[in-house]
C-alpha atoms as a PDB file:
ATOM      1  CA  MET A   1      17.512  -8.515 -23.485  1.00  0.00           C
ATOM      2  CA  LEU A   2      20.564 -10.018 -23.020  1.00  0.00           C
ATOM      3  CA  LEU A   3      23.160  -7.820 -20.801  1.00  0.00           C
ATOM      4  CA  LYS A   4      26.863  -8.626 -19.337  1.00  0.00           C
ATOM      5  CA  ILE A   5      26.735  -7.632 -15.631  1.00  0.00           C
ATOM      6  CA  LYS A   6      29.788  -7.210 -13.665  1.00  0.00           C
ATOM      7  CA  GLY A   7      30.526 -10.522 -10.956  1.00  0.00           C
ATOM      8  CA  MET A   8      27.858 -12.418 -12.935  1.00  0.00           C
ATOM      9  CA  GLU A   9      29.040 -15.098 -15.415  1.00  0.00           C
ATOM     10  CA  GLY A  10      27.998 -14.473 -18.592  1.00  0.00           C
ATOM     11  CA  PRO A  11      24.855 -12.624 -20.254  1.00  0.00           C
ATOM     12  CA  VAL A  12      21.497 -12.365 -18.050  1.00  0.00           C
ATOM     13  CA  LYS A  13      18.536 -12.449 -19.290  1.00  0.00           C
ATOM     14  CA  VAL A  14      16.842  -9.253 -18.314  1.00  0.00           C
ATOM     15  CA  THR A  15      12.737  -8.938 -18.843  1.00  0.00           C
ATOM     16  CA  MET A  16      10.864  -5.755 -17.300  1.00  0.00           C
ATOM     17  CA  ASN A  17       6.458  -5.936 -16.862  1.00  0.00           C
ATOM     18  CA  THR A  18       5.557  -2.819 -19.115  1.00  0.00           C
ATOM     19  CA  THR A  19       1.886  -3.747 -18.737  1.00  0.00           C
ATOM     20  CA  ALA A  20       2.292  -2.974 -14.871  1.00  0.00           C
ATOM     21  CA  LEU A  21       3.477   0.581 -15.702  1.00  0.00           C
ATOM     22  CA  GLU A  22       1.064   1.087 -18.332  1.00  0.00           C
ATOM     23  CA  ASN A  23      -1.593   0.360 -16.436  1.00  0.00           C
ATOM     24  CA  LYS A  24      -0.360   2.495 -13.452  1.00  0.00           C
ATOM     25  CA  MET A  25      -0.057   5.664 -15.545  1.00  0.00           C
ATOM     26  CA  SER A  26      -3.171   4.683 -17.332  1.00  0.00           C
ATOM     27  CA  ALA A  27      -4.787   4.998 -13.363  1.00  0.00           C
ATOM     28  CA  LEU A  28      -3.463   7.790 -12.788  1.00  0.00           C
ATOM     29  CA  GLU A  29      -4.863   9.534 -16.099  1.00  0.00           C
ATOM     30  CA  ILE A  30      -8.186   8.411 -15.188  1.00  0.00           C
ATOM     31  CA  LEU A  31      -8.235   9.203 -11.404  1.00  0.00           C
ATOM     32  CA  ARG A  32      -7.008  12.677 -12.657  1.00  0.00           C
ATOM     33  CA  SER A  33      -9.732  13.171 -15.526  1.00  0.00           C
ATOM     34  CA  LEU A  34     -12.253  12.441 -12.680  1.00  0.00           C
ATOM     35  CA  ALA A  35     -10.860  14.748  -9.905  1.00  0.00           C
ATOM     36  CA  ARG A  36     -10.351  17.385 -12.403  1.00  0.00           C
ATOM     37  CA  ASP A  37     -14.000  16.905 -14.408  1.00  0.00           C
ATOM     38  CA  LEU A  38     -15.991  16.223 -11.194  1.00  0.00           C
ATOM     39  CA  GLY A  39     -14.607  18.941  -9.189  1.00  0.00           C
ATOM     40  CA  LYS A  40     -16.167  19.382  -5.496  1.00  0.00           C
ATOM     41  CA  SER A  41     -18.446  16.347  -6.859  1.00  0.00           C
ATOM     42  CA  PHE A  42     -15.279  14.266  -5.936  1.00  0.00           C
ATOM     43  CA  MET A  43     -15.137  14.890  -2.444  1.00  0.00           C
ATOM     44  CA  PRO A  44     -16.234  11.740  -0.851  1.00  0.00           C
ATOM     45  CA  TYR A  45     -13.117   9.973  -2.815  1.00  0.00           C
ATOM     46  CA  VAL A  46     -10.498  12.747  -2.300  1.00  0.00           C
ATOM     47  CA  GLU A  47      -9.193  11.134   1.470  1.00  0.00           C
ATOM     48  CA  GLN A  48      -8.794   7.612  -0.366  1.00  0.00           C
ATOM     49  CA  VAL A  49      -7.096   9.177  -3.362  1.00  0.00           C
ATOM     50  CA  ALA A  50      -4.965  10.883  -1.549  1.00  0.00           C
ATOM     51  CA  THR A  51      -4.207   8.485   0.768  1.00  0.00           C
ATOM     52  CA  LEU A  52      -3.205   6.235  -2.224  1.00  0.00           C
ATOM     53  CA  MET A  53      -1.101   8.775  -4.112  1.00  0.00           C
ATOM     54  CA  ALA A  54       0.881   9.484  -0.730  1.00  0.00           C
ATOM     55  CA  THR A  55       1.824   6.230   0.434  1.00  0.00           C
ATOM     56  CA  LYS A  56       2.230   4.007  -2.604  1.00  0.00           C
ATOM     57  CA  MET A  57       2.343   6.094  -6.159  1.00  0.00           C
ATOM     58  CA  MET A  58       4.908   8.832  -4.643  1.00  0.00           C
ATOM     59  CA  HIS A  59       7.460   6.566  -3.449  1.00  0.00           C
ATOM     60  CA  ASP A  60       7.286   4.367  -6.621  1.00  0.00           C
ATOM     61  CA  ALA A  61      10.136   2.553  -6.853  1.00  0.00           C
ATOM     62  CA  VAL A  62      10.791   2.083 -10.530  1.00  0.00           C
ATOM     63  CA  ALA A  63       9.206   5.141 -12.396  1.00  0.00           C
ATOM     64  CA  SER A  64       9.591   8.931 -12.289  1.00  0.00           C
ATOM     65  CA  GLY A  65       6.479   9.120 -14.321  1.00  0.00           C
ATOM     66  CA  VAL A  66       4.192   7.727 -11.540  1.00  0.00           C
ATOM     67  CA  ARG A  67       5.832   9.759  -9.006  1.00  0.00           C
ATOM     68  CA  LYS A  68       5.236  12.919 -10.686  1.00  0.00           C
ATOM     69  CA  SER A  69       1.670  12.207 -11.379  1.00  0.00           C
ATOM     70  CA  ALA A  70       0.827  11.677  -7.916  1.00  0.00           C
ATOM     71  CA  THR A  71       2.506  14.686  -6.691  1.00  0.00           C
ATOM     72  CA  LYS A  72       0.693  16.965  -9.001  1.00  0.00           C
ATOM     73  CA  MET A  73      -2.690  15.115  -7.867  1.00  0.00           C
ATOM     74  CA  LEU A  74      -2.306  17.179  -4.866  1.00  0.00           C
ATOM     75  CA  SER A  75      -3.696  20.031  -6.537  1.00  0.00           C
ATOM     76  CA  ILE A  76      -6.372  18.680  -8.549  1.00  0.00           C
ATOM     77  CA  LEU A  77      -7.826  17.403  -5.144  1.00  0.00           C
ATOM     78  CA  ILE A  78      -7.463  20.174  -3.657  1.00  0.00           C
ATOM     79  CA  GLY A  79      -9.532  21.971  -5.893  1.00  0.00           C
ATOM     80  CA  CYS A  80     -11.943  18.961  -4.871  1.00  0.00           C
ATOM     81  CA  CYS A  81     -12.267  20.271  -1.535  1.00  0.00           C
ATOM     82  CA  ASP A  82     -15.341  22.251  -0.286  1.00  0.00           C
ATOM     83  CA  ASP A  83     -13.887  23.988   2.797  1.00  0.00           C
ATOM     84  CA  GLN A  84     -10.716  25.124   4.624  1.00  0.00           C
ATOM     85  CA  THR A  85     -10.793  22.257   6.723  1.00  0.00           C
ATOM     86  CA  LYS A  86     -10.566  19.129   4.428  1.00  0.00           C
ATOM     87  CA  MET A  87      -8.145  21.030   2.704  1.00  0.00           C
ATOM     88  CA  LEU A  88      -5.715  21.145   5.680  1.00  0.00           C
ATOM     89  CA  GLN A  89      -6.588  17.298   6.389  1.00  0.00           C
ATOM     90  CA  LEU A  90      -5.568  16.452   2.632  1.00  0.00           C
ATOM     91  CA  LEU A  91      -2.312  18.534   3.221  1.00  0.00           C
ATOM     92  CA  LYS A  92      -1.829  16.716   6.384  1.00  0.00           C
ATOM     93  CA  VAL A  93      -2.121  13.247   4.562  1.00  0.00           C
ATOM     94  CA  PHE A  94       0.304  14.498   1.701  1.00  0.00           C
ATOM     95  CA  LEU A  95       2.925  16.728   3.113  1.00  0.00           C
ATOM     96  CA  PRO A  96       4.927  14.474   5.161  1.00  0.00           C
ATOM     97  CA  GLU A  97       5.215  11.742   2.426  1.00  0.00           C
ATOM     98  CA  PHE A  98       6.135  14.502   0.156  1.00  0.00           C
ATOM     99  CA  ALA A  99       8.913  15.696   2.531  1.00  0.00           C
ATOM    100  CA  LYS A 100      10.192  12.347   2.616  1.00  0.00           C
ATOM    101  CA  GLU A 101      10.467  12.210  -0.379  1.00  0.00           C
ATOM    102  CA  ILE A 102      12.379  15.099  -1.053  1.00  0.00           C
ATOM    103  CA  LEU A 103      14.837  14.173   1.772  1.00  0.00           C
ATOM    104  CA  GLN A 104      15.397  10.751   0.245  1.00  0.00           C
ATOM    105  CA  LYS A 105      16.035  12.088  -3.022  1.00  0.00           C
ATOM    106  CA  THR A 106      18.669  15.405  -1.898  1.00  0.00           C
ATOM    107  CA  GLU A 107      20.266  13.042   0.317  1.00  0.00           C
ATOM    108  CA  ARG A 108      22.377  12.118  -2.951  1.00  0.00           C
ATOM    109  CA  TYR A 109      23.563  15.208  -3.261  1.00  0.00           C
ATOM    110  CA  ASP A 110      26.376  17.456  -1.818  1.00  0.00           C
ATOM    111  CA  PHE A 111      25.038  20.928  -1.303  1.00  0.00           C
ATOM    112  CA  MET A 112      27.930  22.367   0.518  1.00  0.00           C
ATOM    113  CA  SER A 113      29.659  22.956  -3.084  1.00  0.00           C
ATOM    114  CA  VAL A 114      26.846  25.505  -3.727  1.00  0.00           C
ATOM    115  CA  LYS A 115      27.980  28.708  -2.303  1.00  0.00           C
ATOM    116  CA  TRP A 116      24.583  30.583  -1.979  1.00  0.00           C
ATOM    117  CA  LEU A 117      23.065  27.897   0.245  1.00  0.00           C
ATOM    118  CA  THR A 118      26.164  28.311   2.674  1.00  0.00           C
END
């Protein structure tokens, strides 16, 4: 695709690697299906998957679909935990990263214009 970009001389060719995005989305779907279908049998892998979701996938710079799928994995992974201690450990991995993501997104907005918040 050729685009004219301000400050650049002439049209610039832009390419996008959609295969990498498709692979990420497929991997997320496979992990979600495995976790949901295996339930508590998936427990040995919960910490690894949660760390991947929280540190990499929830902060994907390109695709909002990847970020949404990674965030939705939390509820499925909680269902895979076999006791409350493991659920709390999972939340300790996810929640700080989730809070960072929310703060990063809300910094762009001016909430002073919303009367009911002030």
